[in-house]
PDB file of N, CA and C in Angstrom:
ATOM      1  N   MET A   1       8.241  33.892   4.503  1.00  0.00           N
ATOM      2  CA  MET A   1       8.151  33.922   2.865  1.00  0.00           C
ATOM      3  C   MET A   1       9.321  33.003   2.564  1.00  0.00           C
ATOM      4  N   PHE A   2      10.254  33.661   2.744  1.00  0.00           N
ATOM      5  CA  PHE A   2      12.133  34.167   2.302  1.00  0.00           C
ATOM      6  C   PHE A   2      12.458  32.451   2.862  1.00  0.00           C
ATOM      7  N   ARG A   3      11.825  32.249   4.222  1.00  0.00           N
ATOM      8  CA  ARG A   3      12.309  31.231   4.564  1.00  0.00           C
ATOM      9  C   ARG A   3      11.947  29.982   3.355  1.00  0.00           C
ATOM     10  N   SER A   4      10.418  29.864   3.401  1.00  0.00           N
ATOM     11  CA  SER A   4       9.932  28.844   2.447  1.00  0.00           C
ATOM     12  C   SER A   4      10.342  28.440   1.221  1.00  0.00           C
ATOM     13  N   SER A   5      10.824  29.842   0.459  1.00  0.00           N
ATOM     14  CA  SER A   5      11.198  30.177  -0.723  1.00  0.00           C
ATOM     15  C   SER A   5      12.475  29.892  -0.976  1.00  0.00           C
ATOM     16  N   TYR A   6      13.143  29.974   0.367  1.00  0.00           N
ATOM     17  CA  TYR A   6      14.876  29.734   0.474  1.00  0.00           C
ATOM     18  C   TYR A   6      14.677  28.089   0.178  1.00  0.00           C
ATOM     19  N   ILE A   7      14.367  27.581   1.365  1.00  0.00           N
ATOM     20  CA  ILE A   7      14.012  26.019   1.300  1.00  0.00           C
ATOM     21  C   ILE A   7      13.253  25.293   0.087  1.00  0.00           C
ATOM     22  N   THR A   8      12.866  25.755  -0.416  1.00  0.00           N
ATOM     23  CA  THR A   8      12.005  25.283  -1.976  1.00  0.00           C
ATOM     24  C   THR A   8      13.247  25.253  -3.149  1.00  0.00           C
ATOM     25  N   TRP A   9      13.896  26.406  -2.881  1.00  0.00           N
ATOM     26  CA  TRP A   9      15.268  26.444  -3.636  1.00  0.00           C
ATOM     27  C   TRP A   9      15.928  25.676  -3.732  1.00  0.00           C
ATOM     28  N   PHE A  10      16.599  25.381  -2.496  1.00  0.00           N
ATOM     29  CA  PHE A  10      17.970  24.866  -1.903  1.00  0.00           C
ATOM     30  C   PHE A  10      17.223  23.209  -2.639  1.00  0.00           C
ATOM     31  N   TYR A  11      15.969  22.606  -2.329  1.00  0.00           N
ATOM     32  CA  TYR A  11      15.893  21.440  -2.375  1.00  0.00           C
ATOM     33  C   TYR A  11      15.702  21.048  -3.721  1.00  0.00           C
ATOM     34  N   LYS A  12      15.438  22.043  -4.739  1.00  0.00           N
ATOM     35  CA  LYS A  12      15.360  21.800  -6.252  1.00  0.00           C
ATOM     36  C   LYS A  12      16.613  21.724  -6.660  1.00  0.00           C
ATOM     37  N   HIS A  13      17.674  22.375  -5.593  1.00  0.00           N
ATOM     38  CA  HIS A  13      19.071  22.597  -6.849  1.00  0.00           C
ATOM     39  C   HIS A  13      19.910  21.386  -5.518  1.00  0.00           C
ATOM     40  N   ASN A  14      19.415  20.969  -4.623  1.00  0.00           N
ATOM     41  CA  ASN A  14      20.508  19.866  -3.838  1.00  0.00           C
ATOM     42  C   ASN A  14      19.806  18.702  -3.495  1.00  0.00           C
ATOM     43  N   GLU A  15      20.010  17.609  -4.419  1.00  0.00           N
ATOM     44  CA  GLU A  15      18.950  16.547  -4.388  1.00  0.00           C
ATOM     45  C   GLU A  15      19.737  15.489  -3.264  1.00  0.00           C
ATOM     46  N   LYS A  16      20.898  15.409  -2.646  1.00  0.00           N
ATOM     47  CA  LYS A  16      21.343  14.991  -1.916  1.00  0.00           C
ATOM     48  C   LYS A  16      20.780  14.634  -0.726  1.00  0.00           C
ATOM     49  N   TYR A  17      20.240  13.854   0.168  1.00  0.00           N
ATOM     50  CA  TYR A  17      19.731  13.617   1.591  1.00  0.00           C
ATOM     51  C   TYR A  17      20.483  14.411   2.634  1.00  0.00           C
ATOM     52  N   SER A  18      22.157  13.929   1.985  1.00  0.00           N
ATOM     53  CA  SER A  18      23.404  14.655   3.322  1.00  0.00           C
ATOM     54  C   SER A  18      22.764  16.079   3.315  1.00  0.00           C
ATOM     55  N   ASP A  19      22.756  16.842   2.084  1.00  0.00           N
ATOM     56  CA  ASP A  19      22.936  18.090   1.646  1.00  0.00           C
ATOM     57  C   ASP A  19      21.618  18.782   2.829  1.00  0.00           C
ATOM     58  N   ARG A  20      20.474  18.390   2.146  1.00  0.00           N
ATOM     59  CA  ARG A  20      19.138  18.579   2.720  1.00  0.00           C
ATOM     60  C   ARG A  20      19.362  18.196   4.598  1.00  0.00           C
ATOM     61  N   GLU A  21      19.832  17.480   5.094  1.00  0.00           N
ATOM     62  CA  GLU A  21      19.943  17.132   6.060  1.00  0.00           C
ATOM     63  C   GLU A  21      20.642  18.523   7.085  1.00  0.00           C
ATOM     64  N   LYS A  22      21.401  18.819   6.625  1.00  0.00           N
ATOM     65  CA  LYS A  22      22.483  19.733   6.687  1.00  0.00           C
ATOM     66  C   LYS A  22      21.566  21.142   6.986  1.00  0.00           C
ATOM     67  N   LEU A  23      21.236  21.201   5.749  1.00  0.00           N
ATOM     68  CA  LEU A  23      20.255  22.427   5.821  1.00  0.00           C
ATOM     69  C   LEU A  23      19.181  22.429   6.632  1.00  0.00           C
ATOM     70  N   SER A  24      18.407  20.840   7.326  1.00  0.00           N
ATOM     71  CA  SER A  24      17.405  20.981   8.147  1.00  0.00           C
ATOM     72  C   SER A  24      18.302  21.481   9.303  1.00  0.00           C
ATOM     73  N   ILE A  25      19.336  20.908   9.861  1.00  0.00           N
ATOM     74  CA  ILE A  25      19.604  21.521  11.220  1.00  0.00           C
ATOM     75  C   ILE A  25      20.193  22.655  11.360  1.00  0.00           C
ATOM     76  N   GLN A  26      20.869  23.537  10.349  1.00  0.00           N
ATOM     77  CA  GLN A  26      20.615  25.073  10.012  1.00  0.00           C
ATOM     78  C   GLN A  26      19.707  25.430  10.436  1.00  0.00           C
ATOM     79  N   MET A  27      18.608  25.224   9.826  1.00  0.00           N
ATOM     80  CA  MET A  27      17.633  26.075   9.826  1.00  0.00           C
ATOM     81  C   MET A  27      16.404  25.552  10.817  1.00  0.00           C
ATOM     82  N   ARG A  28      17.058  24.632  11.783  1.00  0.00           N
ATOM     83  CA  ARG A  28      16.251  24.267  13.304  1.00  0.00           C
ATOM     84  C   ARG A  28      14.716  23.652  12.838  1.00  0.00           C
ATOM     85  N   HIS A  29      15.128  22.938  12.045  1.00  0.00           N
ATOM     86  CA  HIS A  29      13.482  22.203  11.652  1.00  0.00           C
ATOM     87  C   HIS A  29      14.274  20.846  11.481  1.00  0.00           C
ATOM     88  N   GLY A  30      13.228  19.347  11.438  1.00  0.00           N
ATOM     89  CA  GLY A  30      13.285  18.325  10.660  1.00  0.00           C
ATOM     90  C   GLY A  30      13.552  18.151   9.596  1.00  0.00           C
ATOM     91  N   TYR A  31      13.979  17.067   8.686  1.00  0.00           N
ATOM     92  CA  TYR A  31      14.441  17.018   7.458  1.00  0.00           C
ATOM     93  C   TYR A  31      12.638  16.773   6.871  1.00  0.00           C
ATOM     94  N   GLU A  32      12.229  15.632   7.791  1.00  0.00           N
ATOM     95  CA  GLU A  32      11.107  15.613   7.519  1.00  0.00           C
ATOM     96  C   GLU A  32       9.889  17.000   7.107  1.00  0.00           C
ATOM     97  N   THR A  33       9.920  17.518   8.155  1.00  0.00           N
ATOM     98  CA  THR A  33       8.988  18.261   8.185  1.00  0.00           C
ATOM     99  C   THR A  33       9.229  19.797   6.964  1.00  0.00           C
ATOM    100  N   ALA A  34      10.758  20.112   6.927  1.00  0.00           N
ATOM    101  CA  ALA A  34      11.388  20.407   5.695  1.00  0.00           C
ATOM    102  C   ALA A  34      10.364  19.874   3.876  1.00  0.00           C
ATOM    103  N   SER A  35      10.482  18.382   4.161  1.00  0.00           N
ATOM    104  CA  SER A  35      10.174  17.585   2.929  1.00  0.00           C
ATOM    105  C   SER A  35       8.789  18.067   2.753  1.00  0.00           C
ATOM    106  N   ARG A  36       8.002  17.950   3.981  1.00  0.00           N
ATOM    107  CA  ARG A  36       6.210  17.802   3.815  1.00  0.00           C
ATOM    108  C   ARG A  36       5.736  19.620   3.852  1.00  0.00           C
ATOM    109  N   ASN A  37       6.429  20.480   4.413  1.00  0.00           N
ATOM    110  CA  ASN A  37       6.211  21.510   4.415  1.00  0.00           C
ATOM    111  C   ASN A  37       6.316  23.094   3.294  1.00  0.00           C
ATOM    112  N   TYR A  38       8.056  22.377   3.020  1.00  0.00           N
ATOM    113  CA  TYR A  38       8.445  23.675   2.166  1.00  0.00           C
ATOM    114  C   TYR A  38       8.502  23.274   0.710  1.00  0.00           C
ATOM    115  N   ASN A  39       9.194  22.078   0.784  1.00  0.00           N
ATOM    116  CA  ASN A  39       9.152  21.671  -0.684  1.00  0.00           C
ATOM    117  C   ASN A  39       8.136  21.408  -1.443  1.00  0.00           C
ATOM    118  N   LYS A  40       7.428  22.645  -2.054  1.00  0.00           N
ATOM    119  CA  LYS A  40       6.646  22.531  -2.883  1.00  0.00           C
ATOM    120  C   LYS A  40       6.987  22.189  -4.514  1.00  0.00           C
ATOM    121  N   ILE A  41       6.230  21.436  -4.809  1.00  0.00           N
ATOM    122  CA  ILE A  41       6.721  20.618  -6.454  1.00  0.00           C
ATOM    123  C   ILE A  41       5.849  21.628  -7.304  1.00  0.00           C
ATOM    124  N   ILE A  42       6.182  22.282  -8.131  1.00  0.00           N
ATOM    125  CA  ILE A  42       5.250  23.322  -8.797  1.00  0.00           C
ATOM    126  C   ILE A  42       5.334  22.599 -10.202  1.00  0.00           C
ATOM    127  N   ASN A  43       4.313  22.336 -11.042  1.00  0.00           N
ATOM    128  CA  ASN A  43       4.821  21.257 -12.424  1.00  0.00           C
ATOM    129  C   ASN A  43       4.084  22.870 -13.393  1.00  0.00           C
ATOM    130  N   ASN A  44       4.581  22.842 -14.500  1.00  0.00           N
ATOM    131  CA  ASN A  44       4.438  23.940 -15.468  1.00  0.00           C
ATOM    132  C   ASN A  44       2.980  23.279 -15.896  1.00  0.00           C
ATOM    133  N   ILE A  45       2.118  24.600 -16.524  1.00  0.00           N
ATOM    134  CA  ILE A  45       0.996  24.085 -16.473  1.00  0.00           C
ATOM    135  C   ILE A  45       0.998  24.492 -18.217  1.00  0.00           C
ATOM    136  N   ASP A  46       0.585  23.297 -19.051  1.00  0.00           N
ATOM    137  CA  ASP A  46       0.662  23.856 -20.573  1.00  0.00           C
ATOM    138  C   ASP A  46      -0.829  23.404 -20.822  1.00  0.00           C
ATOM    139  N   GLU A  47      -1.696  23.478 -19.927  1.00  0.00           N
ATOM    140  CA  GLU A  47      -3.080  23.845 -20.247  1.00  0.00           C
ATOM    141  C   GLU A  47      -3.696  25.123 -20.457  1.00  0.00           C
ATOM    142  N   THR A  48      -4.373  25.497 -21.422  1.00  0.00           N
ATOM    143  CA  THR A  48      -5.114  26.615 -21.099  1.00  0.00           C
ATOM    144  C   THR A  48      -6.367  26.648 -20.564  1.00  0.00           C
ATOM    145  N   LYS A  49      -6.452  28.262 -19.832  1.00  0.00           N
ATOM    146  CA  LYS A  49      -7.349  28.707 -18.855  1.00  0.00           C
ATOM    147  C   LYS A  49      -8.766  27.512 -19.124  1.00  0.00           C
ATOM    148  N   GLU A  50      -8.861  28.150 -20.532  1.00  0.00           N
ATOM    149  CA  GLU A  50     -10.270  27.075 -21.018  1.00  0.00           C
ATOM    150  C   GLU A  50     -10.438  25.625 -20.917  1.00  0.00           C
ATOM    151  N   GLU A  51      -9.283  24.930 -21.012  1.00  0.00           N
ATOM    152  CA  GLU A  51      -9.383  23.594 -20.703  1.00  0.00           C
ATOM    153  C   GLU A  51      -9.773  23.340 -19.198  1.00  0.00           C
ATOM    154  N   ILE A  52      -8.683  24.134 -18.364  1.00  0.00           N
ATOM    155  CA  ILE A  52      -8.696  23.602 -16.869  1.00  0.00           C
ATOM    156  C   ILE A  52     -10.215  24.172 -16.484  1.00  0.00           C
ATOM    157  N   GLU A  53     -10.933  25.181 -16.953  1.00  0.00           N
ATOM    158  CA  GLU A  53     -12.263  25.377 -16.654  1.00  0.00           C
ATOM    159  C   GLU A  53     -13.224  24.363 -17.397  1.00  0.00           C
ATOM    160  N   ASN A  54     -13.023  23.658 -17.869  1.00  0.00           N
ATOM    161  CA  ASN A  54     -13.837  22.702 -18.401  1.00  0.00           C
ATOM    162  C   ASN A  54     -13.500  21.111 -17.903  1.00  0.00           C
ATOM    163  N   LYS A  55     -12.291  21.188 -17.386  1.00  0.00           N
ATOM    164  CA  LYS A  55     -12.591  19.759 -16.527  1.00  0.00           C
ATOM    165  C   LYS A  55     -12.760  20.045 -15.170  1.00  0.00           C
ATOM    166  N   ILE A  56     -12.935  21.371 -14.581  1.00  0.00           N
ATOM    167  CA  ILE A  56     -12.947  21.401 -13.042  1.00  0.00           C
ATOM    168  C   ILE A  56     -15.050  21.549 -13.508  1.00  0.00           C
ATOM    169  N   ILE A  57     -15.521  22.277 -14.446  1.00  0.00           N
ATOM    170  CA  ILE A  57     -17.285  21.789 -14.999  1.00  0.00           C
ATOM    171  C   ILE A  57     -17.204  20.307 -14.740  1.00  0.00           C
ATOM    172  N   GLU A  58     -16.537  19.906 -15.334  1.00  0.00           N
ATOM    173  CA  GLU A  58     -17.187  18.158 -15.906  1.00  0.00           C
ATOM    174  C   GLU A  58     -16.935  17.669 -14.529  1.00  0.00           C
ATOM    175  N   GLU A  59     -15.735  17.572 -13.501  1.00  0.00           N
ATOM    176  CA  GLU A  59     -15.771  17.302 -12.383  1.00  0.00           C
ATOM    177  C   GLU A  59     -16.659  17.863 -11.370  1.00  0.00           C
ATOM    178  N   ASN A  60     -17.202  19.055 -11.215  1.00  0.00           N
ATOM    179  CA  ASN A  60     -18.037  19.473 -10.699  1.00  0.00           C
ATOM    180  C   ASN A  60     -19.479  18.533 -10.930  1.00  0.00           C
ATOM    181  N   ASN A  61     -20.309  18.407 -12.523  1.00  0.00           N
ATOM    182  CA  ASN A  61     -20.961  17.467 -13.219  1.00  0.00           C
ATOM    183  C   ASN A  61     -20.888  15.996 -12.449  1.00  0.00           C
ATOM    184  N   LYS A  62     -20.245  15.704 -12.537  1.00  0.00           N
ATOM    185  CA  LYS A  62     -19.515  14.264 -12.098  1.00  0.00           C
ATOM    186  C   LYS A  62     -20.228  14.146  -9.988  1.00  0.00           C
ATOM    187  N   LEU A  63     -19.421  15.183  -9.721  1.00  0.00           N
ATOM    188  CA  LEU A  63     -19.770  15.347  -8.488  1.00  0.00           C
ATOM    189  C   LEU A  63     -21.731  15.480  -8.081  1.00  0.00           C
ATOM    190  N   ILE A  64     -22.082  16.629  -8.695  1.00  0.00           N
ATOM    191  CA  ILE A  64     -23.027  17.017  -8.597  1.00  0.00           C
ATOM    192  C   ILE A  64     -24.125  15.560  -8.800  1.00  0.00           C
ATOM    193  N   GLU A  65     -24.022  14.629  -9.797  1.00  0.00           N
ATOM    194  CA  GLU A  65     -24.960  13.334  -9.917  1.00  0.00           C
ATOM    195  C   GLU A  65     -24.069  12.225  -8.791  1.00  0.00           C
ATOM    196  N   GLU A  66     -23.418  12.614  -8.504  1.00  0.00           N
ATOM    197  CA  GLU A  66     -22.881  11.356  -7.233  1.00  0.00           C
ATOM    198  C   GLU A  66     -23.822  12.124  -6.110  1.00  0.00           C
ATOM    199  N   ILE A  67     -23.727  12.902  -5.825  1.00  0.00           N
ATOM    200  CA  ILE A  67     -24.974  13.537  -4.385  1.00  0.00           C
ATOM    201  C   ILE A  67     -26.157  13.018  -5.001  1.00  0.00           C
ATOM    202  N   ASN A  68     -26.665  13.336  -6.684  1.00  0.00           N
ATOM    203  CA  ASN A  68     -27.968  12.952  -6.485  1.00  0.00           C
ATOM    204  C   ASN A  68     -28.512  11.520  -6.343  1.00  0.00           C
ATOM    205  N   ILE A  69     -27.629  10.693  -6.620  1.00  0.00           N
ATOM    206  CA  ILE A  69     -27.460   9.099  -6.746  1.00  0.00           C
ATOM    207  C   ILE A  69     -27.876   8.718  -4.762  1.00  0.00           C
ATOM    208  N   LEU A  70     -26.545   9.463  -4.194  1.00  0.00           N
ATOM    209  CA  LEU A  70     -26.521   9.190  -2.664  1.00  0.00           C
ATOM    210  C   LEU A  70     -27.762   9.598  -1.893  1.00  0.00           C
ATOM    211  N   LYS A  71     -28.200  10.983  -2.597  1.00  0.00           N
ATOM    212  CA  LYS A  71     -29.628  11.353  -1.816  1.00  0.00           C
ATOM    213  C   LYS A  71     -30.785  10.291  -2.458  1.00  0.00           C
ATOM    214  N   LYS A  72     -30.868  10.092  -3.430  1.00  0.00           N
ATOM    215  CA  LYS A  72     -31.822   8.622  -3.964  1.00  0.00           C
ATOM    216  C   LYS A  72     -31.714   7.689  -2.572  1.00  0.00           C
ATOM    217  N   GLU A  73     -30.488   7.169  -2.929  1.00  0.00           N
ATOM    218  CA  GLU A  73     -30.092   6.011  -2.127  1.00  0.00           C
ATOM    219  C   GLU A  73     -30.567   6.178  -0.211  1.00  0.00           C
ATOM    220  N   ASN A  74     -30.440   7.527   0.265  1.00  0.00           N
ATOM    221  CA  ASN A  74     -30.824   8.097   1.268  1.00  0.00           C
ATOM    222  C   ASN A  74     -32.161   7.968   1.713  1.00  0.00           C
ATOM    223  N   ASN A  75     -32.895   8.143   0.548  1.00  0.00           N
ATOM    224  CA  ASN A  75     -34.475   8.370   0.833  1.00  0.00           C
ATOM    225  C   ASN A  75     -34.973   7.299   0.614  1.00  0.00           C
ATOM    226  N   GLU A  76     -34.296   6.043  -0.007  1.00  0.00           N
ATOM    227  CA  GLU A  76     -34.697   4.862  -0.006  1.00  0.00           C
ATOM    228  C   GLU A  76     -34.752   4.085   1.243  1.00  0.00           C
ATOM    229  N   LEU A  77     -33.626   4.305   2.170  1.00  0.00           N
ATOM    230  CA  LEU A  77     -33.429   3.655   3.111  1.00  0.00           C
ATOM    231  C   LEU A  77     -33.959   4.273   3.874  1.00  0.00           C
ATOM    232  N   LYS A  78     -34.387   5.643   3.902  1.00  0.00           N
ATOM    233  CA  LYS A  78     -35.362   6.596   5.217  1.00  0.00           C
ATOM    234  C   LYS A  78     -36.735   5.800   4.843  1.00  0.00           C
ATOM    235  N   ILE A  79     -37.086   5.225   3.950  1.00  0.00           N
ATOM    236  CA  ILE A  79     -38.614   4.921   3.706  1.00  0.00           C
ATOM    237  C   ILE A  79     -38.438   3.182   4.121  1.00  0.00           C
ATOM    238  N   GLU A  80     -37.477   2.801   3.987  1.00  0.00           N
ATOM    239  CA  GLU A  80     -37.031   1.229   4.108  1.00  0.00           C
ATOM    240  C   GLU A  80     -37.273   1.321   5.671  1.00  0.00           C
ATOM    241  N   ASN A  81     -36.451   2.276   6.266  1.00  0.00           N
ATOM    242  CA  ASN A  81     -36.391   2.056   8.070  1.00  0.00           C
ATOM    243  C   ASN A  81     -38.037   2.747   8.484  1.00  0.00           C
ATOM    244  N   ASN A  82     -38.680   3.992   8.019  1.00  0.00           N
ATOM    245  CA  ASN A  82     -39.900   4.110   8.580  1.00  0.00           C
ATOM    246  C   ASN A  82     -41.072   2.746   8.160  1.00  0.00           C
ATOM    247  N   GLU A  83     -40.756   2.197   7.160  1.00  0.00           N
ATOM    248  CA  GLU A  83     -41.760   0.942   6.808  1.00  0.00           C
ATOM    249  C   GLU A  83     -41.126   0.018   8.090  1.00  0.00           C
ATOM    250  N   LEU A  84     -40.441  -0.566   8.354  1.00  0.00           N
ATOM    251  CA  LEU A  84     -39.489  -1.184   9.902  1.00  0.00           C
ATOM    252  C   LEU A  84     -40.014  -0.889  10.754  1.00  0.00           C
ATOM    253  N   LYS A  85     -40.058   0.299  11.281  1.00  0.00           N
ATOM    254  CA  LYS A  85     -40.419   1.282  12.078  1.00  0.00           C
ATOM    255  C   LYS A  85     -42.085   0.537  12.467  1.00  0.00           C
ATOM    256  N   ASN A  86     -42.729   1.380  11.124  1.00  0.00           N
ATOM    257  CA  ASN A  86     -43.908   0.942  11.629  1.00  0.00           C
ATOM    258  C   ASN A  86     -44.537  -0.894  11.556  1.00  0.00           C
ATOM    259  N   THR A  87     -43.790  -1.828  11.020  1.00  0.00           N
ATOM    260  CA  THR A  87     -44.450  -2.882  11.408  1.00  0.00           C
ATOM    261  C   THR A  87     -44.173  -3.551  12.749  1.00  0.00           C
ATOM    262  N   LYS A  88     -42.876  -3.147  12.891  1.00  0.00           N
ATOM    263  CA  LYS A  88     -42.297  -3.757  14.699  1.00  0.00           C
ATOM    264  C   LYS A  88     -43.583  -2.617  15.711  1.00  0.00           C
ATOM    265  N   LEU A  89     -44.111  -1.597  15.029  1.00  0.00           N
ATOM    266  CA  LEU A  89     -45.153  -1.132  16.181  1.00  0.00           C
ATOM    267  C   LEU A  89     -46.411  -1.599  15.752  1.00  0.00           C
ATOM    268  N   LEU A  90     -46.645  -2.018  14.628  1.00  0.00           N
ATOM    269  CA  LEU A  90     -47.803  -2.870  14.259  1.00  0.00           C
ATOM    270  C   LEU A  90     -47.593  -4.341  15.425  1.00  0.00           C
ATOM    271  N   ARG A  91     -46.625  -4.954  15.310  1.00  0.00           N
ATOM    272  CA  ARG A  91     -46.658  -6.028  15.903  1.00  0.00           C
ATOM    273  C   ARG A  91     -46.556  -5.727  17.207  1.00  0.00           C
ATOM    274  N   GLY A  92     -45.990  -4.599  18.068  1.00  0.00           N
ATOM    275  CA  GLY A  92     -46.200  -4.298  19.382  1.00  0.00           C
ATOM    276  C   GLY A  92     -47.918  -4.207  19.387  1.00  0.00           C
ATOM    277  N   LEU A  93     -48.614  -3.307  18.782  1.00  0.00           N
ATOM    278  CA  LEU A  93     -50.330  -3.191  18.929  1.00  0.00           C
ATOM    279  C   LEU A  93     -50.779  -4.689  19.374  1.00  0.00           C
ATOM    280  N   ILE A  94     -50.491  -5.538  17.870  1.00  0.00           N
ATOM    281  CA  ILE A  94     -50.825  -6.807  18.110  1.00  0.00           C
ATOM    282  C   ILE A  94     -51.136  -7.506  19.168  1.00  0.00           C
ATOM    283  N   ILE A  95     -50.032  -7.820  19.748  1.00  0.00           N
ATOM    284  CA  ILE A  95     -49.586  -8.387  20.719  1.00  0.00           C
ATOM    285  C   ILE A  95     -50.257  -8.089  22.242  1.00  0.00           C
ATOM    286  N   ILE A  96     -50.415  -6.662  21.925  1.00  0.00           N
ATOM    287  CA  ILE A  96     -51.060  -6.266  23.404  1.00  0.00           C
ATOM    288  C   ILE A  96     -52.360  -6.473  23.341  1.00  0.00           C
TER     289      ILE A  96
END
């Protein structure tokens, strides 16, 4: 926890690549690893809790609609597939 906090703080206050590279050698990790795992960017949230909840609800509703559309398309494909199987089965019976 302290390691992560320190590296994040250091990256925030030292933007030079050479400084970050020196830190990565001191902390015994690669620069890429630190950039990916430790340097978390936290934005100040200007939105209220209600606005965030409304966005989440809206996104959830969109996903539910998309799921329903995909379910409908999947069912239509299943019906087409069953019809195709039945047609092939009937052709097999007629040939015999």
